[in-house]
Amino acid sequence: MSKKQLVEQFNLRSRLKFNIDEGNIWLDENRMLLLHASAFGALRTELIQSLGVLRAKGLLLRMGFESGQRDAELARKLIDSGEPYDVFRIGPLLHAFEGLVKAEITSAEIDWDKGVFNGAVDWEGSWEAESHIQTFGIGGEVACWTLAGYASGYVTRFFNRFVVFREEQCLCCGDDKCSIVGKPAEEWDDQEYVKLFKPDNIDREIRELREEVTNLRESLCSKRGRGNLIGESQAFKSAFHLLERAADSPINVLLLGETGVGKEVFAHWLHKNSGRAEGPFVALNCSAIPHDLIESELFGVRKGAYTGAEESRRGRFERADGGTLFLDEVGDLSPAAQVKLLRVLQTGELERLGDDKTIKVDVRLVAATNVNLNEAITSGRFRSDLYYRLATYPVQIPPLRERKSDIPLLAEAMIAKYAPLYSKKIKGLSDKAVHALIEYDWPGNVRELENLIERGVLLAPSGGVLELEHVLMQGAAATVTEVAVDKAGTVQNPKKEGELRAFESLLDDGFDLGRHEQTLMTMAVDKAGGNLTHAAKLLGISRRQLAYRLAKSSESYEE
């Protein structure tokens, strides 16, 4: 099958999308960059001059390796409908499609079942060789490192076996062409070259020194770990630093924020990092308990206190004695429960429902709500004296839309959490999936993200990545128009194509331009309540143009 036939069979051009309004280019799920080759060549030159040839070579090999792995994921999708051998052929095709080099397979010995691979490829028009020669001239070192790394990453991804390509001939050495040979890593005699694909050839002494400095700083500052609290955004750090300061004190904390921001996770961290960490952590969602039962849940009940109370039972306060009690949605407490809660906070004593015996408790209270308590106080739904007891130390937890830079970190942690539960290995998120997650407004906050990631892990294939289709949010389809490239290389806009199809169907039905124009103008005038200026704006023309066309239309009907 020819390259042209392969391009048409797998419809590669349709997978290349330009989102000009947003400044994005996509090749399927992967975000691409259209860069000047000279600019990338300048970066390449600086790497060689700064790091030396060997380290720059390793860095560029690994960069190409990553690119090849990404393209292998795309090829895996395409090959579902193709011949197995086409896998090897699509790699060079993608390499050329991205403007890097024209590749021609010269030999290939492949046994997919046994994992046997030996291949050779000739290159023509290598951008990397051209760039190297322009800067350094002809020398004794092959220099198409990113391209060799790409081939290695691509084939490795398909074989699930480390396959390494090495350049044997190069224009940079004065050869008449560039060519590479690939085989399993362990079959190469030159294992020093193979080691360049592993990021362990960076100066270890510098790395270890940095680690020592970091550990020393953490030790000196007695920095606490964040545990399940994940984030590096300024909004998250501000909330966390407030929480951190309250950890060692007995002060009551009020966590404020929208539903789903993770208030209980913050409360758990506060407990685990306080002097009460060895005590119990007890949680209660006040909105989930009927008002006539909330008091017995909080303060306990004496046997026989009411019909059905067949035995005495401890409430949440007693169960949390010596530890922390977390009351979520505290703004939904009944007035009677508010009075009793205030008394416990003031005295440290409680009475079970139906009992007159006083019980002392030592509890740190962490409350949370998504209700505006000041408004609830004004409307008489919440006691002001209780509010001042609870809000001694308020911490506002930001919604996810205000800490979008944390979304990739949260998503990766959630993938790590759920992948083992579904017996899967997930490599992470595709570029397009990350972009979609960041663009979404997240009305359900972190809880919504977690539910979505769990669903995505369930849908994604093991060994792959979470793609856009796996994490597609309700109401969060494409917010901007993408354009594709057709067979002739022309940019195509799906929205415009839809409009063209609609116009074409009108023509097929015997289109009457005058009649449709009159109908549109009449509808616009009616929608604007007879105001010609507003109607003209709806139609995208001036008021004078509309008045003229209405007059001409009226004259034609009179004739």
Protein backbone atom coordinates (compact mmCIF):
# COMPACT_ATOMS: atom_id res chain seq x y z
CA MET A 1 0.00 0.00 0.00
CA SER A 2 1.40 3.42 -0.99
CA LYS A 3 1.86 6.34 1.39
CA LYS A 4 -0.98 8.17 -0.35
CA GLN A 5 -3.26 5.18 0.16
CA LEU A 6 -2.24 4.96 3.82
CA VAL A 7 -3.00 8.66 4.33
CA GLU A 8 -6.41 8.21 2.76
CA GLN A 9 -7.14 4.93 4.56
CA PHE A 10 -6.41 6.31 8.00
CA ASN A 11 -7.65 9.83 7.20
CA LEU A 12 -4.74 11.48 9.02
CA ARG A 13 -5.54 14.99 7.86
CA SER A 14 -8.96 14.89 9.51
CA ARG A 15 -7.23 14.29 12.87
CA LEU A 16 -5.23 17.50 12.57
CA LYS A 17 -7.30 20.32 14.07
CA PHE A 18 -6.54 24.03 14.19
CA ASN A 19 -8.30 26.01 16.91
CA ILE A 20 -7.12 29.44 15.86
CA ASP A 21 -9.32 31.42 18.27
CA GLU A 22 -7.84 29.60 21.29
CA GLY A 23 -4.32 29.31 19.87
CA ASN A 24 -4.33 25.49 19.86
CA ILE A 25 -3.33 22.85 17.32
CA TRP A 26 -4.37 19.24 17.95
CA LEU A 27 -3.28 15.97 16.37
CA ASP A 28 -6.03 13.76 17.72
CA GLU A 29 -5.63 14.01 21.54
CA ASN A 30 -2.16 15.57 21.47
CA ARG A 31 -1.51 19.29 21.51
CA MET A 32 1.00 20.25 18.83
CA LEU A 33 3.21 23.27 18.27
CA LEU A 34 3.96 24.90 14.94
CA LEU A 35 7.48 26.21 15.57
CA HIS A 36 10.17 27.74 13.41
CA ALA A 37 12.77 25.06 12.71
CA SER A 38 15.46 27.72 13.13
CA ALA A 39 14.18 28.56 16.61
CA PHE A 40 14.24 24.92 17.67
CA GLY A 41 17.66 24.62 16.09
CA ALA A 42 18.85 27.54 18.22
CA LEU A 43 17.60 25.77 21.35
CA ARG A 44 19.33 22.59 20.24
CA THR A 45 22.58 24.49 19.73
CA GLU A 46 22.36 26.06 23.18
CA LEU A 47 21.78 22.66 24.78
CA ILE A 48 24.93 21.32 23.13
CA GLN A 49 26.98 24.33 24.18
CA SER A 50 25.60 24.39 27.74
CA LEU A 51 25.42 20.67 28.58
CA GLY A 52 28.03 19.23 26.26
CA VAL A 53 27.42 16.85 23.37
CA LEU A 54 26.76 13.70 25.43
CA ARG A 55 24.16 15.19 27.77
CA ALA A 56 22.46 17.15 25.00
CA LYS A 57 22.33 13.98 22.93
CA GLY A 58 20.66 12.05 25.77
CA LEU A 59 18.16 14.83 26.42
CA LEU A 60 17.16 15.07 22.74
CA LEU A 61 16.95 11.28 22.38
CA ARG A 62 14.56 11.12 25.34
CA MET A 63 12.52 14.03 24.01
CA GLY A 64 12.12 12.25 20.66
CA PHE A 65 11.31 9.01 22.51
CA GLU A 66 8.37 10.70 24.27
CA SER A 67 7.10 12.12 20.97
CA GLY A 68 7.28 8.68 19.36
CA GLN A 69 5.31 7.15 22.23
CA ARG A 70 2.54 9.72 21.78
CA ASP A 71 2.29 9.06 18.04
CA ALA A 72 2.21 5.32 18.73
CA GLU A 73 -0.96 5.89 20.77
CA LEU A 74 -2.56 7.55 17.75
CA ALA A 75 -1.35 4.76 15.45
CA ARG A 76 -2.86 2.21 17.83
CA LYS A 77 -6.26 3.77 17.20
CA LEU A 78 -5.75 3.85 13.45
CA ILE A 79 -4.51 0.28 13.14
CA ASP A 80 -7.77 -1.22 14.43
CA SER A 81 -8.94 -1.27 10.83
CA GLY A 82 -5.59 -1.97 9.14
CA GLU A 83 -3.04 -4.74 8.66
CA PRO A 84 -0.60 -5.43 11.54
CA TYR A 85 2.39 -4.58 9.36
CA ASP A 86 0.88 -1.14 8.79
CA VAL A 87 1.82 -0.27 12.38
CA PHE A 88 5.45 -0.05 11.35
CA ARG A 89 4.54 1.89 8.21
CA ILE A 90 2.36 4.48 9.92
CA GLY A 91 5.27 5.61 12.13
CA PRO A 92 7.34 7.02 9.24
CA LEU A 93 4.15 8.45 7.77
CA LEU A 94 3.40 10.35 11.00
CA HIS A 95 7.01 11.50 11.19
CA ALA A 96 6.69 13.01 7.73
CA PHE A 97 3.20 14.34 8.46
CA GLU A 98 4.68 16.41 11.29
CA GLY A 99 7.33 17.90 8.99
CA LEU A 100 10.34 16.24 10.64
CA VAL A 101 11.76 13.90 8.01
CA LYS A 102 10.81 11.71 5.04
CA ALA A 103 11.37 8.10 6.10
CA GLU A 104 11.62 5.00 3.94
CA ILE A 105 11.68 1.51 5.46
CA THR A 106 14.47 -0.48 3.84
CA SER A 107 14.20 -3.71 5.83
CA ALA A 108 12.00 -5.13 8.55
CA GLU A 109 11.95 -8.43 10.41
CA ILE A 110 8.91 -8.43 12.67
CA ASP A 111 7.28 -11.14 14.77
CA TRP A 112 4.64 -9.55 16.98
CA ASP A 113 3.94 -12.70 19.02
CA LYS A 114 7.60 -13.41 19.82
CA GLY A 115 8.57 -9.75 20.17
CA VAL A 116 11.18 -10.01 17.44
CA PHE A 117 12.11 -6.75 15.72
CA ASN A 118 14.95 -5.75 13.44
CA GLY A 119 14.48 -2.82 11.14
CA ALA A 120 16.32 -0.26 9.03
CA VAL A 121 15.07 3.09 7.77
CA ASP A 122 16.54 5.67 5.41
CA TRP A 123 15.84 9.36 6.02
CA GLU A 124 15.61 12.16 3.52
CA GLY A 125 15.32 15.87 4.37
CA SER A 126 16.15 15.59 8.08
CA TRP A 127 15.55 18.99 9.67
CA GLU A 128 17.92 18.05 12.48
CA ALA A 129 20.82 17.26 10.14
CA GLU A 130 20.27 20.52 8.26
CA SER A 131 20.19 22.52 11.50
CA HIS A 132 23.33 20.82 12.88
CA ILE A 133 25.32 21.36 9.69
CA GLN A 134 24.34 25.04 9.54
CA THR A 135 25.74 25.60 13.04
CA PHE A 136 28.59 23.11 13.40
CA GLY A 137 29.38 22.01 9.84
CA ILE A 138 30.42 18.49 8.80
CA GLY A 139 32.07 16.47 11.55
CA GLY A 140 32.47 12.96 12.87
CA GLU A 141 29.26 12.66 14.96
CA VAL A 142 25.82 11.57 13.80
CA ALA A 143 23.34 14.18 14.98
CA CYS A 144 19.68 13.23 14.22
CA TRP A 145 19.05 12.47 17.87
CA THR A 146 15.39 13.46 18.31
CA LEU A 147 14.52 11.51 15.16
CA ALA A 148 16.27 8.36 16.41
CA GLY A 149 14.57 8.80 19.77
CA TYR A 150 11.19 9.11 18.04
CA ALA A 151 11.63 5.81 16.17
CA SER A 152 12.73 4.10 19.40
CA GLY A 153 9.77 5.39 21.39
CA TYR A 154 7.29 4.54 18.65
CA VAL A 155 8.34 0.90 18.22
CA THR A 156 8.87 0.39 21.97
CA ARG A 157 5.27 1.42 22.64
CA PHE A 158 3.91 -1.21 20.27
CA PHE A 159 6.15 -4.08 21.29
CA ASN A 160 6.00 -3.40 25.01
CA ARG A 161 9.70 -4.16 24.77
CA PHE A 162 12.52 -1.64 24.81
CA VAL A 163 13.60 -1.21 21.17
CA VAL A 164 16.43 1.19 20.36
CA PHE A 165 17.25 2.83 17.04
CA ARG A 166 20.71 4.20 16.36
CA GLU A 167 21.80 6.33 13.46
CA GLU A 168 24.43 4.51 11.39
CA GLN A 169 24.88 7.07 8.60
CA CYS A 170 24.33 10.83 8.74
CA LEU A 171 24.76 13.84 6.48
CA CYS A 172 26.51 15.49 9.41
CA CYS A 173 29.36 12.97 9.00
CA GLY A 174 29.65 13.53 5.28
CA ASP A 175 27.54 10.50 4.33
CA ASP A 176 25.21 10.77 1.35
CA LYS A 177 22.12 10.01 3.46
CA CYS A 178 20.87 9.53 6.99
CA SER A 179 19.85 6.02 8.05
CA ILE A 180 18.98 4.21 11.27
CA VAL A 181 18.94 0.62 12.48
CA GLY A 182 16.68 -0.66 15.26
CA LYS A 183 16.67 -3.77 17.46
CA PRO A 184 15.90 -4.73 21.08
CA ALA A 185 17.99 -2.76 23.55
CA GLU A 186 19.76 -5.77 25.04
CA GLU A 187 21.08 -6.82 21.61
CA TRP A 188 23.19 -3.67 21.18
CA ASP A 189 26.90 -4.04 21.94
CA ASP A 190 27.09 -0.32 22.67
CA GLN A 191 25.19 -0.25 25.97
CA GLU A 192 26.51 3.23 26.76
CA TYR A 193 24.31 4.49 23.93
CA VAL A 194 21.33 2.58 25.30
CA LYS A 195 21.85 4.18 28.71
CA LEU A 196 21.30 7.61 27.15
CA PHE A 197 17.60 6.77 26.89
CA LYS A 198 17.37 6.63 30.67
CA PRO A 199 17.40 9.92 32.61
CA ASP A 200 20.16 8.78 34.97
CA ASN A 201 23.11 10.30 33.16
CA ILE A 202 22.56 13.74 34.70
CA ASP A 203 25.13 14.80 37.23
CA ARG A 204 24.13 12.82 40.32
CA GLU A 205 26.22 14.84 42.74
CA ILE A 206 24.30 18.02 41.94
CA ARG A 207 20.98 16.21 42.25
CA GLU A 208 21.91 14.61 45.55
CA LEU A 209 23.17 17.92 46.90
CA ARG A 210 19.88 19.58 46.00
CA GLU A 211 17.97 16.79 47.73
CA GLU A 212 20.08 17.21 50.85
CA VAL A 213 19.46 20.97 50.89
CA THR A 214 15.73 20.40 50.44
CA ASN A 215 15.60 17.82 53.23
CA LEU A 216 17.59 20.09 55.51
CA ARG A 217 15.23 22.99 54.89
CA GLU A 218 12.21 20.80 55.56
CA SER A 219 13.78 19.51 58.74
CA LEU A 220 14.67 22.98 59.98
CA CYS A 221 11.22 24.34 59.18
CA SER A 222 9.45 21.23 60.54
CA LYS A 223 7.32 21.31 57.44
CA ARG A 224 4.25 19.07 57.58
CA GLY A 225 3.23 16.85 54.70
CA ARG A 226 0.00 17.72 52.97
CA GLY A 227 -1.26 14.15 52.79
CA ASN A 228 -4.39 14.01 50.63
CA LEU A 229 -4.46 17.79 50.25
CA ILE A 230 -3.08 18.44 46.78
CA GLY A 231 -2.39 21.79 45.17
CA GLU A 232 0.21 24.37 44.29
CA SER A 233 -2.03 27.27 43.25
CA GLN A 234 -1.92 30.48 45.27
CA ALA A 235 -5.60 30.12 46.23
CA PHE A 236 -4.99 26.62 47.61
CA LYS A 237 -1.81 27.61 49.43
CA SER A 238 -3.53 30.54 51.14
CA ALA A 239 -6.24 28.24 52.52
CA PHE A 240 -3.74 25.56 53.50
CA HIS A 241 -1.45 27.97 55.35
CA LEU A 242 -4.42 29.15 57.45
CA LEU A 243 -5.29 25.55 58.23
CA GLU A 244 -1.67 24.74 59.07
CA ARG A 245 -1.48 27.52 61.65
CA ALA A 246 -4.56 26.21 63.44
CA ALA A 247 -3.43 22.57 63.57
CA ASP A 248 -1.66 22.57 66.94
CA SER A 249 -4.14 24.81 68.72
CA PRO A 250 -7.49 23.81 70.32
CA ILE A 251 -9.35 26.53 68.41
CA ASN A 252 -12.64 25.64 66.70
CA VAL A 253 -12.40 25.95 62.92
CA LEU A 254 -15.15 26.84 60.44
CA LEU A 255 -14.51 25.62 56.89
CA LEU A 256 -16.35 27.63 54.27
CA GLY A 257 -16.79 26.81 50.61
CA GLU A 258 -19.03 25.46 47.92
CA THR A 259 -20.31 21.90 47.84
CA GLY A 260 -17.63 19.50 46.69
CA VAL A 261 -14.52 21.60 47.44
CA GLY A 262 -13.20 18.98 49.87
CA LYS A 263 -14.10 20.37 53.27
CA GLU A 264 -14.02 16.94 54.92
CA VAL A 265 -10.54 16.26 53.46
CA PHE A 266 -9.36 19.53 55.02
CA ALA A 267 -10.97 18.53 58.33
CA HIS A 268 -9.22 15.12 58.24
CA TRP A 269 -5.87 16.79 57.64
CA LEU A 270 -6.46 19.17 60.54
CA HIS A 271 -7.20 16.24 62.86
CA LYS A 272 -4.23 14.11 61.74
CA ASN A 273 -1.83 17.00 62.19
CA SER A 274 -3.09 18.12 65.60
CA GLY A 275 -2.34 16.94 69.11
CA ARG A 276 -5.55 14.90 68.91
CA ALA A 277 -4.34 12.69 66.07
CA GLU A 278 -4.41 9.58 68.28
CA GLY A 279 -8.03 10.29 69.23
CA PRO A 280 -11.13 9.54 67.14
CA PHE A 281 -12.26 11.55 64.12
CA VAL A 282 -16.05 11.54 63.94
CA ALA A 283 -18.01 13.11 61.08
CA LEU A 284 -21.69 13.98 60.70
CA ASN A 285 -23.49 15.55 57.76
CA CYS A 286 -26.18 17.62 59.47
CA SER A 287 -28.27 17.98 56.31
CA ALA A 288 -28.50 14.20 55.92
CA ILE A 289 -30.23 13.67 59.30
CA PRO A 290 -33.95 14.52 59.81
CA HIS A 291 -34.49 17.41 62.23
CA ASP A 292 -36.31 15.19 64.74
CA LEU A 293 -33.31 12.85 64.94
CA ILE A 294 -30.39 15.28 64.80
CA GLU A 295 -30.32 15.90 68.56
CA SER A 296 -30.12 12.20 69.41
CA GLU A 297 -27.37 11.78 66.78
CA LEU A 298 -25.33 14.63 68.26
CA PHE A 299 -25.91 14.21 72.00
CA GLY A 300 -27.06 10.62 72.39
CA VAL A 301 -30.25 9.17 73.87
CA ARG A 302 -31.23 7.50 77.14
CA LYS A 303 -33.07 4.20 77.04
CA GLY A 304 -36.83 4.78 77.03
CA ALA A 305 -36.54 8.47 76.13
CA TYR A 306 -39.03 7.94 73.31
CA THR A 307 -40.83 5.09 71.59
CA GLY A 308 -38.24 2.93 69.90
CA ALA A 309 -35.35 3.97 72.16
CA GLU A 310 -34.79 0.45 73.46
CA GLU A 311 -31.29 1.12 74.76
CA SER A 312 -29.08 4.03 75.70
CA ARG A 313 -26.83 5.22 72.89
CA ARG A 314 -23.87 7.56 72.72
CA GLY A 315 -24.06 10.54 70.43
CA ARG A 316 -21.37 11.86 68.10
CA PHE A 317 -19.95 14.18 70.77
CA GLU A 318 -19.30 11.31 73.17
CA ARG A 319 -17.83 9.15 70.40
CA ALA A 320 -15.45 12.00 69.49
CA ASP A 321 -14.28 12.51 73.09
CA GLY A 322 -10.53 13.19 73.06
CA GLY A 323 -10.56 13.75 69.32
CA THR A 324 -12.25 15.82 66.63
CA LEU A 325 -15.90 16.16 65.65
CA PHE A 326 -16.55 17.33 62.10
CA LEU A 327 -20.03 18.78 61.52
CA ASP A 328 -20.67 19.24 57.82
CA GLU A 329 -23.51 21.47 56.59
CA VAL A 330 -23.86 22.95 60.07
CA GLY A 331 -26.05 25.71 58.64
CA ASP A 332 -28.88 23.17 58.29
CA LEU A 333 -29.16 22.46 62.04
CA SER A 334 -32.60 22.88 63.59
CA PRO A 335 -33.11 25.78 66.07
CA ALA A 336 -33.36 23.34 69.02
CA ALA A 337 -30.14 21.58 68.04
CA GLN A 338 -28.42 24.94 67.70
CA VAL A 339 -29.27 25.82 71.30
CA LYS A 340 -27.89 22.53 72.66
CA LEU A 341 -24.78 22.74 70.46
CA LEU A 342 -24.06 26.24 71.81
CA ARG A 343 -24.31 24.95 75.39
CA VAL A 344 -21.84 22.13 74.72
CA LEU A 345 -19.37 24.55 73.16
CA GLN A 346 -19.69 26.92 76.10
CA THR A 347 -19.51 24.39 78.94
CA GLY A 348 -17.99 21.23 77.50
CA GLU A 349 -20.95 19.33 78.96
CA LEU A 350 -23.99 17.63 77.45
CA GLU A 351 -27.06 15.65 78.42
CA ARG A 352 -28.37 12.74 76.42
CA LEU A 353 -31.89 13.07 75.09
CA GLY A 354 -34.34 12.13 77.87
CA ASP A 355 -31.63 12.17 80.55
CA ASP A 356 -30.69 14.68 83.26
CA LYS A 357 -27.21 13.30 83.82
CA THR A 358 -24.40 15.66 82.77
CA ILE A 359 -21.56 14.19 80.73
CA LYS A 360 -18.29 16.05 80.23
CA VAL A 361 -16.64 15.82 76.81
CA ASP A 362 -13.31 17.02 75.44
CA VAL A 363 -13.92 17.60 71.74
CA ARG A 364 -12.43 19.87 69.15
CA LEU A 365 -15.14 21.01 66.76
CA VAL A 366 -14.52 21.57 63.07
CA ALA A 367 -17.64 22.82 61.33
CA ALA A 368 -18.31 23.33 57.63
CA THR A 369 -21.01 24.90 55.53
CA ASN A 370 -21.75 26.11 52.03
CA VAL A 371 -24.51 28.35 53.40
CA ASN A 372 -23.97 32.09 53.89
CA LEU A 373 -24.38 32.13 57.68
CA ASN A 374 -24.58 35.91 57.86
CA GLU A 375 -27.66 35.81 55.61
CA ALA A 376 -29.06 32.94 57.69
CA ILE A 377 -28.62 35.04 60.84
CA THR A 378 -30.41 37.99 59.23
CA SER A 379 -33.33 35.78 58.21
CA GLY A 380 -33.51 34.23 61.70
CA ARG A 381 -32.49 30.72 60.59
CA PHE A 382 -29.21 30.68 62.51
CA ARG A 383 -28.23 31.94 65.94
CA SER A 384 -25.67 34.72 65.96
CA ASP A 385 -24.15 33.61 69.29
CA LEU A 386 -23.57 30.11 67.86
CA TYR A 387 -22.06 31.60 64.73
CA TYR A 388 -19.47 33.54 66.76
CA ARG A 389 -18.56 30.35 68.63
CA LEU A 390 -18.11 28.41 65.38
CA ALA A 391 -16.47 31.15 63.32
CA THR A 392 -13.60 31.85 65.72
CA TYR A 393 -11.23 30.75 62.95
CA PRO A 394 -12.85 30.70 59.49
CA VAL A 395 -10.99 29.15 56.53
CA GLN A 396 -12.35 29.79 53.04
CA ILE A 397 -11.65 26.88 50.69
CA PRO A 398 -11.51 28.08 47.07
CA PRO A 399 -13.70 26.47 44.39
CA LEU A 400 -11.94 24.44 41.73
CA ARG A 401 -12.53 27.07 39.03
CA GLU A 402 -10.33 29.46 41.06
CA ARG A 403 -7.46 26.94 41.28
CA LYS A 404 -7.45 25.45 37.80
CA SER A 405 -3.68 25.06 37.78
CA ASP A 406 -4.20 22.32 40.39
CA ILE A 407 -6.45 20.24 38.13
CA PRO A 408 -3.65 18.20 36.47
CA LEU A 409 -2.14 17.43 39.90
CA LEU A 410 -5.50 16.39 41.34
CA ALA A 411 -6.34 14.31 38.29
CA GLU A 412 -3.03 12.42 38.40
CA ALA A 413 -3.53 11.66 42.11
CA MET A 414 -7.07 10.42 41.42
CA ILE A 415 -5.85 8.22 38.56
CA ALA A 416 -3.26 6.72 40.92
CA LYS A 417 -6.06 6.09 43.43
CA TYR A 418 -8.59 4.45 41.11
CA ALA A 419 -6.42 2.60 38.57
CA PRO A 420 -5.49 -0.19 41.05
CA LEU A 421 -9.14 -0.53 42.09
CA TYR A 422 -10.04 -1.35 38.48
CA SER A 423 -6.87 -3.43 37.94
CA LYS A 424 -5.57 -1.05 35.30
CA LYS A 425 -2.38 0.80 34.47
CA ILE A 426 -3.19 4.30 33.27
CA LYS A 427 -0.37 6.50 32.02
CA GLY A 428 -2.14 9.78 32.68
CA LEU A 429 -4.20 12.26 30.69
CA SER A 430 -3.95 13.18 27.04
CA ASP A 431 -3.16 16.81 26.22
CA LYS A 432 -6.67 17.37 24.91
CA ALA A 433 -8.23 15.87 28.04
CA VAL A 434 -6.13 18.16 30.27
CA HIS A 435 -7.15 21.15 28.15
CA ALA A 436 -10.84 20.24 28.44
CA LEU A 437 -10.61 19.75 32.22
CA ILE A 438 -8.98 23.15 32.66
CA GLU A 439 -11.52 24.90 30.42
CA TYR A 440 -14.51 23.45 32.30
CA ASP A 441 -16.15 25.56 35.08
CA TRP A 442 -16.61 22.71 37.63
CA PRO A 443 -19.90 23.48 39.38
CA GLY A 444 -19.37 20.29 41.42
CA ASN A 445 -15.75 21.16 42.25
CA VAL A 446 -13.24 18.49 43.35
CA ARG A 447 -15.98 15.94 44.03
CA GLU A 448 -17.18 16.24 40.44
CA LEU A 449 -13.61 15.89 39.17
CA GLU A 450 -13.08 12.76 41.24
CA ASN A 451 -16.30 11.15 39.98
CA LEU A 452 -15.34 11.98 36.43
CA ILE A 453 -11.80 10.58 36.76
CA GLU A 454 -13.11 7.36 38.29
CA ARG A 455 -15.49 6.98 35.36
CA GLY A 456 -12.64 7.73 32.95
CA VAL A 457 -10.43 5.06 34.54
CA LEU A 458 -13.25 2.56 34.08
CA LEU A 459 -13.65 3.45 30.39
CA ALA A 460 -9.99 3.80 29.42
CA PRO A 461 -7.99 0.82 28.14
CA SER A 462 -5.30 -0.53 30.44
CA GLY A 463 -1.85 0.70 29.45
CA GLY A 464 -3.26 3.76 27.73
CA VAL A 465 -4.17 7.30 28.72
CA LEU A 466 -7.42 9.00 29.68
CA GLU A 467 -8.57 10.74 26.53
CA LEU A 468 -11.19 13.40 25.99
CA GLU A 469 -13.91 10.84 25.25
CA HIS A 470 -13.25 9.18 28.62
CA VAL A 471 -13.56 12.37 30.65
CA LEU A 472 -16.17 14.27 28.62
CA MET A 473 -18.16 16.43 31.02
CA GLN A 474 -21.92 16.99 30.80
CA GLY A 475 -22.42 20.34 29.10
CA ALA A 476 -18.70 20.75 28.51
CA ALA A 477 -18.36 19.69 24.90
CA ALA A 478 -16.15 21.76 22.62
CA THR A 479 -16.53 25.41 23.55
CA VAL A 480 -14.69 26.64 20.49
CA THR A 481 -14.76 25.74 16.85
CA GLU A 482 -11.97 23.59 15.49
CA VAL A 483 -10.89 23.44 11.88
CA ALA A 484 -9.49 20.42 10.09
CA VAL A 485 -7.27 19.92 7.06
CA ASP A 486 -8.74 18.24 3.97
CA LYS A 487 -6.95 16.05 1.42
CA ALA A 488 -5.72 19.06 -0.51
CA GLY A 489 -4.25 20.61 2.64
CA THR A 490 -7.03 23.22 2.84
CA VAL A 491 -8.27 24.27 6.27
CA GLN A 492 -11.89 23.22 6.77
CA ASN A 493 -14.31 24.59 9.40
CA PRO A 494 -16.94 22.01 10.49
CA LYS A 495 -19.38 24.77 11.49
CA LYS A 496 -19.09 26.41 8.10
CA GLU A 497 -19.38 23.03 6.42
CA GLY A 498 -22.66 22.49 8.28
CA GLU A 499 -23.91 25.87 7.09
CA LEU A 500 -22.94 25.04 3.53
CA ARG A 501 -24.82 21.75 3.70
CA ALA A 502 -27.90 23.61 4.98
CA PHE A 503 -27.69 26.13 2.13
CA GLU A 504 -27.21 23.31 -0.37
CA SER A 505 -30.38 21.61 0.85
CA LEU A 506 -32.28 24.87 0.35
CA LEU A 507 -31.10 25.03 -3.25
CA ASP A 508 -32.19 21.44 -3.82
CA ASP A 509 -35.71 22.36 -2.66
CA GLY A 510 -36.20 25.11 -5.25
CA PHE A 511 -34.85 28.15 -3.41
CA ASP A 512 -36.65 31.52 -3.79
CA LEU A 513 -34.20 34.24 -2.66
CA GLY A 514 -36.74 37.05 -2.59
CA ARG A 515 -39.26 35.07 -0.56
CA HIS A 516 -36.67 33.96 2.02
CA GLU A 517 -35.26 37.47 2.33
CA GLN A 518 -38.73 38.88 2.93
CA THR A 519 -39.43 36.21 5.55
CA LEU A 520 -36.17 36.94 7.41
CA MET A 521 -36.77 40.69 7.40
CA THR A 522 -40.35 40.27 8.64
CA MET A 523 -39.19 37.94 11.44
CA ALA A 524 -36.47 40.39 12.49
CA VAL A 525 -38.87 43.34 12.58
CA ASP A 526 -41.38 41.31 14.64
CA LYS A 527 -38.66 40.17 17.06
CA ALA A 528 -37.49 43.78 17.47
CA GLY A 529 -41.03 44.95 18.22
CA GLY A 530 -41.18 47.08 15.07
CA ASN A 531 -37.92 48.90 15.82
CA LEU A 532 -36.07 48.99 12.49
CA THR A 533 -32.72 49.87 14.10
CA HIS A 534 -32.81 46.78 16.33
CA ALA A 535 -34.10 44.62 13.48
CA ALA A 536 -31.22 45.75 11.27
CA LYS A 537 -28.72 44.74 13.98
CA LEU A 538 -30.27 41.27 14.09
CA LEU A 539 -29.75 40.95 10.35
CA GLY A 540 -26.25 42.42 10.36
CA ILE A 541 -27.10 45.34 8.09
CA SER A 542 -27.71 49.07 8.56
CA ARG A 543 -31.13 50.60 9.26
CA ARG A 544 -31.03 52.38 5.88
CA GLN A 545 -30.34 49.10 4.07
CA LEU A 546 -33.23 47.40 5.86
CA ALA A 547 -35.67 50.23 5.13
CA TYR A 548 -34.62 50.21 1.46
CA ARG A 549 -35.04 46.44 1.10
CA LEU A 550 -38.42 46.51 2.84
CA ALA A 551 -39.56 49.23 0.47
CA LYS A 552 -38.29 47.35 -2.60
CA SER A 553 -39.92 44.16 -1.39
CA SER A 554 -43.24 45.97 -0.92
CA GLU A 555 -43.03 47.44 -4.43
CA SER A 556 -42.38 44.04 -5.99
CA TYR A 557 -45.41 42.56 -4.29
CA GLU A 558 -47.59 45.48 -5.46
CA GLU A 559 -46.46 44.84 -9.03
